[in-house]
C-alpha atoms as a PDB file:
ATOM      1  CA  MET A   1     -62.974  10.070 -38.629  1.00  0.00           C
ATOM      2  CA  MET A   2     -60.483  11.787 -36.848  1.00  0.00           C
ATOM      3  CA  LYS A   3     -60.173  10.967 -33.077  1.00  0.00           C
ATOM      4  CA  VAL A   4     -59.299  13.698 -30.522  1.00  0.00           C
ATOM      5  CA  CYS A   5     -57.957  14.350 -27.802  1.00  0.00           C
ATOM      6  CA  MET A   6     -58.931  16.959 -26.073  1.00  0.00           C
ATOM      7  CA  ALA A   7     -56.725  18.470 -23.138  1.00  0.00           C
ATOM      8  CA  GLY A   8     -57.682  22.019 -21.404  1.00  0.00           C
ATOM      9  CA  ALA A   9     -61.495  20.059 -21.320  1.00  0.00           C
ATOM     10  CA  THR A  10     -63.393  21.957 -18.746  1.00  0.00           C
ATOM     11  CA  GLY A  11     -61.638  25.300 -19.118  1.00  0.00           C
ATOM     12  CA  LEU A  12     -63.188  28.834 -20.486  1.00  0.00           C
ATOM     13  CA  SER A  13     -61.910  28.289 -23.964  1.00  0.00           C
ATOM     14  CA  GLY A  14     -61.141  23.843 -24.177  1.00  0.00           C
ATOM     15  CA  SER A  15     -65.212  23.225 -23.189  1.00  0.00           C
ATOM     16  CA  VAL A  16     -66.087  25.381 -26.257  1.00  0.00           C
ATOM     17  CA  ILE A  17     -63.867  23.723 -27.952  1.00  0.00           C
ATOM     18  CA  ALA A  18     -64.354  20.299 -26.964  1.00  0.00           C
ATOM     19  CA  GLN A  19     -68.123  21.073 -27.651  1.00  0.00           C
ATOM     20  CA  GLY A  20     -67.510  21.920 -31.490  1.00  0.00           C
ATOM     21  CA  ILE A  21     -65.082  18.830 -31.849  1.00  0.00           C
ATOM     22  CA  VAL A  22     -68.571  16.823 -30.546  1.00  0.00           C
ATOM     23  CA  ASP A  23     -71.003  19.168 -33.237  1.00  0.00           C
ATOM     24  CA  ALA A  24     -68.383  18.787 -36.204  1.00  0.00           C
ATOM     25  CA  GLU A  25     -69.430  15.721 -38.694  1.00  0.00           C
ATOM     26  CA  ASP A  26     -65.469  14.870 -38.748  1.00  0.00           C
ATOM     27  CA  MET A  27     -64.790  14.245 -36.109  1.00  0.00           C
ATOM     28  CA  GLU A  28     -64.747  12.035 -32.358  1.00  0.00           C
ATOM     29  CA  LEU A  29     -64.104  13.823 -29.287  1.00  0.00           C
ATOM     30  CA  SER A  30     -62.322   9.925 -28.068  1.00  0.00           C
ATOM     31  CA  ALA A  31     -60.907  11.813 -24.468  1.00  0.00           C
ATOM     32  CA  CYS A  32     -60.047  14.364 -22.321  1.00  0.00           C
ATOM     33  CA  VAL A  33     -57.955  15.670 -20.313  1.00  0.00           C
ATOM     34  CA  SER A  34     -58.648  17.838 -17.266  1.00  0.00           C
ATOM     35  CA  ARG A  35     -57.018  17.118 -13.881  1.00  0.00           C
ATOM     36  CA  SER A  36     -60.255  18.020 -11.865  1.00  0.00           C
ATOM     37  CA  HIS A  37     -62.454  15.788 -13.909  1.00  0.00           C
ATOM     38  CA  ALA A  38     -60.506  12.828 -14.324  1.00  0.00           C
ATOM     39  CA  GLY A  39     -62.495   9.635 -13.693  1.00  0.00           C
ATOM     40  CA  GLN A  40     -65.474  11.525 -15.011  1.00  0.00           C
ATOM     41  CA  SER A  41     -67.225  11.908 -18.641  1.00  0.00           C
ATOM     42  CA  ILE A  42     -67.325  14.784 -20.124  1.00  0.00           C
ATOM     43  CA  LEU A  43     -69.651  15.233 -24.198  1.00  0.00           C
ATOM     44  CA  GLY A  44     -69.445  11.508 -23.374  1.00  0.00           C
ATOM     45  CA  ALA A  45     -65.623  10.987 -23.364  1.00  0.00           C
ATOM     46  CA  PRO A  46     -63.751   9.819 -20.997  1.00  0.00           C
ATOM     47  CA  CYS A  47     -61.395  11.552 -18.835  1.00  0.00           C
ATOM     48  CA  TYR A  48     -58.110  11.433 -17.312  1.00  0.00           C
ATOM     49  CA  SER A  49     -55.606  13.743 -15.239  1.00  0.00           C
ATOM     50  CA  SER A  50     -52.326  13.396 -17.888  1.00  0.00           C
ATOM     51  CA  VAL A  51     -51.968  13.373 -21.895  1.00  0.00           C
ATOM     52  CA  SER A  52     -49.933   9.877 -20.938  1.00  0.00           C
ATOM     53  CA  ASP A  53     -53.036   8.905 -18.846  1.00  0.00           C
ATOM     54  CA  ALA A  54     -55.128   9.164 -22.429  1.00  0.00           C
ATOM     55  CA  LEU A  55     -52.808   7.534 -24.571  1.00  0.00           C
ATOM     56  CA  SER A  56     -52.901   4.508 -22.330  1.00  0.00           C
ATOM     57  CA  GLY A  57     -56.588   4.458 -21.764  1.00  0.00           C
ATOM     58  CA  ALA A  58     -57.842   5.883 -25.017  1.00  0.00           C
ATOM     59  CA  ASP A  59     -57.355   5.355 -28.866  1.00  0.00           C
ATOM     60  CA  TRP A  60     -57.163   9.199 -30.657  1.00  0.00           C
ATOM     61  CA  ASP A  61     -55.195  10.840 -33.555  1.00  0.00           C
ATOM     62  CA  VAL A  62     -55.054  14.298 -32.772  1.00  0.00           C
ATOM     63  CA  LEU A  63     -54.048  16.490 -29.129  1.00  0.00           C
ATOM     64  CA  ILE A  64     -55.880  19.436 -29.180  1.00  0.00           C
ATOM     65  CA  ASP A  65     -54.451  21.398 -26.163  1.00  0.00           C
ATOM     66  CA  TYR A  66     -55.639  24.339 -24.303  1.00  0.00           C
ATOM     67  CA  THR A  67     -54.357  24.239 -20.554  1.00  0.00           C
ATOM     68  CA  ALA A  68     -51.288  26.142 -18.886  1.00  0.00           C
ATOM     69  CA  LEU A  69     -48.186  27.371 -20.137  1.00  0.00           C
ATOM     70  CA  SER A  70     -47.163  25.112 -17.425  1.00  0.00           C
ATOM     71  CA  VAL A  71     -47.703  21.867 -18.384  1.00  0.00           C
ATOM     72  CA  VAL A  72     -48.395  22.268 -22.389  1.00  0.00           C
ATOM     73  CA  LYS A  73     -44.834  21.429 -23.729  1.00  0.00           C
ATOM     74  CA  GLU A  74     -44.578  18.299 -21.802  1.00  0.00           C
ATOM     75  CA  ASN A  75     -48.504  17.263 -22.563  1.00  0.00           C
ATOM     76  CA  ALA A  76     -47.103  18.309 -26.518  1.00  0.00           C
ATOM     77  CA  LEU A  77     -43.803  16.334 -26.009  1.00  0.00           C
ATOM     78  CA  THR A  78     -45.931  13.211 -24.730  1.00  0.00           C
ATOM     79  CA  ALA A  79     -48.263  13.161 -27.511  1.00  0.00           C
ATOM     80  CA  ILE A  80     -45.690  13.623 -29.697  1.00  0.00           C
ATOM     81  CA  GLU A  81     -43.445  10.629 -28.924  1.00  0.00           C
ATOM     82  CA  ALA A  82     -46.293   8.519 -29.132  1.00  0.00           C
ATOM     83  CA  GLY A  83     -46.116   9.294 -32.344  1.00  0.00           C
ATOM     84  CA  ARG A  84     -49.518  11.889 -32.079  1.00  0.00           C
ATOM     85  CA  HIS A  85     -50.116  15.099 -33.962  1.00  0.00           C
ATOM     86  CA  VAL A  86     -51.023  18.357 -31.985  1.00  0.00           C
ATOM     87  CA  VAL A  87     -52.754  21.290 -31.519  1.00  0.00           C
ATOM     88  CA  ILE A  88     -51.204  24.005 -29.536  1.00  0.00           C
ATOM     89  CA  GLY A  89     -53.447  26.625 -28.330  1.00  0.00           C
ATOM     90  CA  THR A  90     -51.866  27.732 -24.950  1.00  0.00           C
ATOM     91  CA  SER A  91     -50.642  30.896 -24.889  1.00  0.00           C
ATOM     92  CA  GLY A  92     -46.666  31.126 -23.184  1.00  0.00           C
ATOM     93  CA  LEU A  93     -44.563  28.948 -24.916  1.00  0.00           C
ATOM     94  CA  LYS A  94     -41.186  30.705 -26.966  1.00  0.00           C
ATOM     95  CA  ALA A  95     -39.512  30.445 -29.809  1.00  0.00           C
ATOM     96  CA  ASP A  96     -36.413  28.304 -28.437  1.00  0.00           C
ATOM     97  CA  ASP A  97     -39.711  25.803 -26.827  1.00  0.00           C
ATOM     98  CA  PHE A  98     -40.958  25.535 -29.838  1.00  0.00           C
ATOM     99  CA  GLU A  99     -37.425  24.748 -31.403  1.00  0.00           C
ATOM    100  CA  HIS A 100     -37.262  21.716 -29.349  1.00  0.00           C
ATOM    101  CA  ILE A 101     -41.074  21.033 -30.006  1.00  0.00           C
ATOM    102  CA  ASP A 102     -40.030  20.898 -33.766  1.00  0.00           C
ATOM    103  CA  ALA A 103     -36.622  18.777 -33.340  1.00  0.00           C
ATOM    104  CA  ALA A 104     -39.558  16.190 -31.529  1.00  0.00           C
ATOM    105  CA  ALA A 105     -42.001  16.120 -34.302  1.00  0.00           C
ATOM    106  CA  ARG A 106     -39.987  16.243 -37.050  1.00  0.00           C
ATOM    107  CA  ALA A 107     -38.023  12.948 -35.318  1.00  0.00           C
ATOM    108  CA  LYS A 108     -41.535  10.947 -35.048  1.00  0.00           C
ATOM    109  CA  GLY A 109     -42.936  12.423 -38.604  1.00  0.00           C
ATOM    110  CA  VAL A 110     -45.707  14.038 -37.470  1.00  0.00           C
ATOM    111  CA  GLY A 111     -47.229  17.778 -37.659  1.00  0.00           C
ATOM    112  CA  VAL A 112     -47.903  20.354 -35.289  1.00  0.00           C
ATOM    113  CA  VAL A 113     -49.673  23.460 -35.830  1.00  0.00           C
ATOM    114  CA  ALA A 114     -49.577  26.093 -33.016  1.00  0.00           C
ATOM    115  CA  SER A 115     -50.811  30.160 -32.419  1.00  0.00           C
ATOM    116  CA  GLY A 116     -51.065  32.447 -30.851  1.00  0.00           C
ATOM    117  CA  ASN A 117     -54.778  33.149 -31.536  1.00  0.00           C
ATOM    118  CA  PHE A 118     -56.669  30.773 -33.555  1.00  0.00           C
ATOM    119  CA  ALA A 119     -59.870  33.566 -34.353  1.00  0.00           C
ATOM    120  CA  LEU A 120     -59.374  33.874 -37.624  1.00  0.00           C
ATOM    121  CA  THR A 121     -59.701  37.841 -37.506  1.00  0.00           C
ATOM    122  CA  ALA A 122     -56.778  37.385 -35.544  1.00  0.00           C
ATOM    123  CA  ALA A 123     -55.084  34.757 -38.787  1.00  0.00           C
ATOM    124  CA  LEU A 124     -55.654  37.815 -40.788  1.00  0.00           C
ATOM    125  CA  MET A 125     -53.970  40.540 -39.166  1.00  0.00           C
ATOM    126  CA  THR A 126     -50.956  38.514 -38.323  1.00  0.00           C
ATOM    127  CA  ARG A 127     -50.978  37.879 -42.435  1.00  0.00           C
ATOM    128  CA  PHE A 128     -51.045  41.647 -42.996  1.00  0.00           C
ATOM    129  CA  SER A 129     -48.979  42.235 -40.298  1.00  0.00           C
ATOM    130  CA  LEU A 130     -46.524  40.286 -41.803  1.00  0.00           C
ATOM    131  CA  ILE A 131     -47.041  42.211 -45.328  1.00  0.00           C
ATOM    132  CA  ALA A 132     -46.554  44.880 -44.130  1.00  0.00           C
ATOM    133  CA  ALA A 133     -43.402  44.458 -42.009  1.00  0.00           C
ATOM    134  CA  ALA A 134     -41.903  43.266 -45.633  1.00  0.00           C
ATOM    135  CA  TYR A 135     -42.524  46.761 -46.894  1.00  0.00           C
ATOM    136  CA  LEU A 136     -42.210  49.097 -44.191  1.00  0.00           C
ATOM    137  CA  ASP A 137     -39.043  49.879 -41.971  1.00  0.00           C
ATOM    138  CA  TRP A 138     -40.814  50.959 -39.159  1.00  0.00           C
ATOM    139  CA  PHE A 139     -43.092  48.586 -36.928  1.00  0.00           C
ATOM    140  CA  GLU A 140     -43.799  48.192 -32.812  1.00  0.00           C
ATOM    141  CA  ILE A 141     -46.598  45.992 -31.075  1.00  0.00           C
ATOM    142  CA  ILE A 142     -49.024  47.062 -28.532  1.00  0.00           C
ATOM    143  CA  ASP A 143     -50.714  44.897 -26.735  1.00  0.00           C
ATOM    144  CA  TYR A 144     -53.792  45.375 -24.849  1.00  0.00           C
ATOM    145  CA  SER A 145     -56.004  43.257 -21.898  1.00  0.00           C
ATOM    146  CA  ARG A 146     -57.952  42.797 -19.070  1.00  0.00           C
ATOM    147  CA  PRO A 147     -55.939  44.089 -15.376  1.00  0.00           C
ATOM    148  CA  LYS A 148     -55.947  39.714 -14.803  1.00  0.00           C
ATOM    149  CA  LYS A 149     -54.224  39.374 -16.986  1.00  0.00           C
ATOM    150  CA  THR A 150     -50.704  37.377 -16.048  1.00  0.00           C
ATOM    151  CA  ASP A 151     -49.168  36.985 -19.197  1.00  0.00           C
ATOM    152  CA  ALA A 152     -47.171  39.763 -21.194  1.00  0.00           C
ATOM    153  CA  PRO A 153     -47.224  40.231 -23.728  1.00  0.00           C
ATOM    154  CA  THR A 154     -50.271  37.616 -24.846  1.00  0.00           C
ATOM    155  CA  GLY A 155     -49.470  34.962 -26.814  1.00  0.00           C
ATOM    156  CA  THR A 156     -51.132  36.457 -30.118  1.00  0.00           C
ATOM    157  CA  ALA A 157     -48.595  39.423 -29.531  1.00  0.00           C
ATOM    158  CA  ARG A 158     -45.786  37.507 -28.753  1.00  0.00           C
ATOM    159  CA  GLU A 159     -45.865  35.030 -31.764  1.00  0.00           C
ATOM    160  CA  LEU A 160     -46.877  38.273 -34.162  1.00  0.00           C
ATOM    161  CA  ALA A 161     -43.630  40.510 -32.568  1.00  0.00           C
ATOM    162  CA  GLU A 162     -41.097  36.940 -33.358  1.00  0.00           C
ATOM    163  CA  ARG A 163     -42.200  36.564 -37.275  1.00  0.00           C
ATOM    164  CA  MET A 164     -42.758  40.252 -37.995  1.00  0.00           C
ATOM    165  CA  GLY A 165     -38.823  40.180 -35.987  1.00  0.00           C
ATOM    166  CA  ASP A 166     -38.081  37.254 -39.090  1.00  0.00           C
ATOM    167  CA  VAL A 167     -38.791  39.101 -42.530  1.00  0.00           C
ATOM    168  CA  LYS A 168     -37.051  42.392 -40.796  1.00  0.00           C
ATOM    169  CA  LYS A 169     -35.745  44.236 -38.040  1.00  0.00           C
ATOM    170  CA  PRO A 170     -37.397  46.801 -37.593  1.00  0.00           C
ATOM    171  CA  ALA A 171     -35.727  50.713 -37.517  1.00  0.00           C
ATOM    172  CA  HIS A 172     -34.683  52.928 -35.049  1.00  0.00           C
ATOM    173  CA  GLU A 173     -32.662  56.398 -34.919  1.00  0.00           C
ATOM    174  CA  VAL A 174     -31.952  55.023 -31.263  1.00  0.00           C
ATOM    175  CA  ASP A 175     -31.696  51.891 -29.683  1.00  0.00           C
ATOM    176  CA  PRO A 176     -34.244  51.063 -27.233  1.00  0.00           C
ATOM    177  CA  SER A 177     -31.885  49.669 -24.996  1.00  0.00           C
ATOM    178  CA  SER A 178     -29.522  52.598 -25.027  1.00  0.00           C
ATOM    179  CA  VAL A 179     -32.293  55.406 -24.231  1.00  0.00           C
ATOM    180  CA  LYS A 180     -32.053  58.218 -21.158  1.00  0.00           C
ATOM    181  CA  GLY A 181     -34.367  57.716 -18.407  1.00  0.00           C
ATOM    182  CA  GLU A 182     -35.511  54.413 -17.457  1.00  0.00           C
ATOM    183  CA  PRO A 183     -34.986  52.315 -21.401  1.00  0.00           C
ATOM    184  CA  GLY A 184     -38.325  49.778 -19.996  1.00  0.00           C
ATOM    185  CA  LEU A 185     -40.637  52.364 -21.148  1.00  0.00           C
ATOM    186  CA  ARG A 186     -39.300  51.971 -24.643  1.00  0.00           C
ATOM    187  CA  GLY A 187     -40.951  48.618 -23.888  1.00  0.00           C
ATOM    188  CA  GLY A 188     -39.964  44.672 -24.453  1.00  0.00           C
ATOM    189  CA  THR A 189     -37.677  43.489 -26.776  1.00  0.00           C
ATOM    190  CA  ILE A 190     -38.137  40.291 -28.534  1.00  0.00           C
ATOM    191  CA  ASN A 191     -36.855  39.487 -31.673  1.00  0.00           C
ATOM    192  CA  GLY A 192     -35.948  42.743 -32.425  1.00  0.00           C
ATOM    193  CA  VAL A 193     -39.552  44.381 -32.346  1.00  0.00           C
ATOM    194  CA  GLN A 194     -40.703  46.401 -29.015  1.00  0.00           C
ATOM    195  CA  VAL A 195     -43.171  45.114 -27.719  1.00  0.00           C
ATOM    196  CA  HIS A 196     -45.861  47.624 -25.164  1.00  0.00           C
ATOM    197  CA  SER A 197     -48.612  45.857 -23.029  1.00  0.00           C
ATOM    198  CA  LEU A 198     -50.952  47.508 -21.095  1.00  0.00           C
ATOM    199  CA  ARG A 199     -53.158  45.924 -18.754  1.00  0.00           C
ATOM    200  CA  MET A 200     -56.693  48.048 -18.210  1.00  0.00           C
ATOM    201  CA  PRO A 201     -60.299  47.659 -17.751  1.00  0.00           C
ATOM    202  CA  SER A 202     -62.530  48.007 -20.347  1.00  0.00           C
ATOM    203  CA  TYR A 203     -60.116  45.639 -22.784  1.00  0.00           C
ATOM    204  CA  SER A 204     -60.287  42.045 -23.316  1.00  0.00           C
ATOM    205  CA  ALA A 205     -57.688  40.709 -25.936  1.00  0.00           C
ATOM    206  CA  THR A 206     -56.399  43.614 -28.063  1.00  0.00           C
ATOM    207  CA  VAL A 207     -53.430  43.846 -30.614  1.00  0.00           C
ATOM    208  CA  THR A 208     -52.688  46.178 -32.611  1.00  0.00           C
ATOM    209  CA  SER A 209     -49.356  46.424 -35.167  1.00  0.00           C
ATOM    210  CA  THR A 210     -48.157  50.251 -35.627  1.00  0.00           C
ATOM    211  CA  PHE A 211     -46.283  50.738 -38.435  1.00  0.00           C
ATOM    212  CA  ALA A 212     -44.663  54.175 -40.281  1.00  0.00           C
ATOM    213  CA  ASN A 213     -42.437  55.642 -43.260  1.00  0.00           C
ATOM    214  CA  GLY A 214     -42.088  58.620 -43.714  1.00  0.00           C
ATOM    215  CA  ASN A 215     -45.273  61.050 -42.864  1.00  0.00           C
ATOM    216  CA  SER A 216     -47.572  58.755 -43.113  1.00  0.00           C
ATOM    217  CA  ARG A 217     -48.779  55.444 -40.453  1.00  0.00           C
ATOM    218  CA  LEU A 218     -50.441  52.343 -40.465  1.00  0.00           C
ATOM    219  CA  THR A 219     -52.229  50.633 -37.835  1.00  0.00           C
ATOM    220  CA  ILE A 220     -53.660  47.088 -38.153  1.00  0.00           C
ATOM    221  CA  THR A 221     -55.991  45.902 -35.184  1.00  0.00           C
ATOM    222  CA  HIS A 222     -57.366  42.582 -34.052  1.00  0.00           C
ATOM    223  CA  ASP A 223     -59.764  43.068 -31.058  1.00  0.00           C
ATOM    224  CA  ALA A 224     -61.835  39.988 -29.773  1.00  0.00           C
ATOM    225  CA  ASP A 225     -63.428  39.701 -26.299  1.00  0.00           C
ATOM    226  CA  SER A 226     -61.833  37.027 -25.143  1.00  0.00           C
ATOM    227  CA  HIS A 227     -64.230  35.832 -22.149  1.00  0.00           C
ATOM    228  CA  SER A 228     -65.761  34.068 -25.752  1.00  0.00           C
ATOM    229  CA  ALA A 229     -64.639  31.227 -27.086  1.00  0.00           C
ATOM    230  CA  ASP A 230     -66.681  31.173 -30.170  1.00  0.00           C
ATOM    231  CA  ILE A 231     -64.347  32.420 -32.515  1.00  0.00           C
ATOM    232  CA  LEU A 232     -61.846  30.198 -31.298  1.00  0.00           C
ATOM    233  CA  VAL A 233     -63.800  26.875 -32.552  1.00  0.00           C
ATOM    234  CA  PRO A 234     -63.520  27.324 -36.387  1.00  0.00           C
ATOM    235  CA  GLY A 235     -59.538  27.816 -36.461  1.00  0.00           C
ATOM    236  CA  THR A 236     -58.718  25.127 -33.551  1.00  0.00           C
ATOM    237  CA  LEU A 237     -60.740  22.482 -35.716  1.00  0.00           C
ATOM    238  CA  LEU A 238     -59.303  24.093 -39.283  1.00  0.00           C
ATOM    239  CA  ALA A 239     -55.654  23.467 -37.691  1.00  0.00           C
ATOM    240  CA  ALA A 240     -56.565  19.694 -36.086  1.00  0.00           C
ATOM    241  CA  ARG A 241     -57.862  18.628 -39.864  1.00  0.00           C
ATOM    242  CA  ARG A 242     -54.011  20.318 -41.292  1.00  0.00           C
ATOM    243  CA  VAL A 243     -51.871  19.396 -38.829  1.00  0.00           C
ATOM    244  CA  VAL A 244     -52.283  15.271 -39.747  1.00  0.00           C
ATOM    245  CA  ASP A 245     -50.841  16.275 -43.380  1.00  0.00           C
ATOM    246  CA  LEU A 246     -48.212  18.307 -41.861  1.00  0.00           C
ATOM    247  CA  VAL A 247     -44.189  17.667 -39.574  1.00  0.00           C
ATOM    248  CA  GLY A 248     -42.472  19.542 -37.799  1.00  0.00           C
ATOM    249  CA  VAL A 249     -44.003  22.658 -35.982  1.00  0.00           C
ATOM    250  CA  THR A 250     -46.427  25.300 -38.132  1.00  0.00           C
ATOM    251  CA  ARG A 251     -45.869  28.232 -36.073  1.00  0.00           C
ATOM    252  CA  GLY A 252     -49.142  30.822 -37.010  1.00  0.00           C
ATOM    253  CA  LEU A 253     -53.193  29.586 -38.001  1.00  0.00           C
ATOM    254  CA  ASP A 254     -52.802  32.238 -41.344  1.00  0.00           C
ATOM    255  CA  GLN A 255     -50.022  29.569 -42.376  1.00  0.00           C
ATOM    256  CA  LEU A 256     -52.987  27.824 -42.700  1.00  0.00           C
ATOM    257  CA  LEU A 257     -55.431  29.821 -44.969  1.00  0.00           C
END
């Protein structure tokens, strides 16, 4: 029986995933982390104010983190230092953050799985986009979300850009940083890939990778209602089951499919 600590257990996504852990026959919700509910019980598990307190107060094997950018890296490093495996569902960490986490995980011989989006449909969109990037020279990413979304781009789009840029740097006839007028209108550059973020009503969580080859075009889109976290549960639990057999950071749920 895998013992899990759920950080962010009272959040929109974390609360649904915590219930998924309880419902899973091969998992046990052994601890939760939520500053607002510290000292209470969540779904029968004791709740602590920090990962450090959860390590002192409960026995668990894997940390699943759906908290906030301000604390996720510290949470992960604290768990890793204690020899625990980690699944990161919190968005916003950058490539150099993952390099730091990867070095710490390898030093301790534990695994970390991080994904900008744990929905299986998002994982497949990423996989298909990476395949397309290997064959097509021209590509950019458009990231759509609700007006209140504070991070740009979303974790899904950031991870996609970083990984597509590792496949190859896309073609440009005019370098985006040297266009006339306002260079920012060509989007932001992540690992050589242009990413454009729209924040408007009616959108929730949509990422589109757009490719061109001569006079033909290909678009690959993931579209979801981010107000429902049910789609994150199967992928997150899959990552928790697989992370115990890994060492270092694995980025992207598609790597586990």
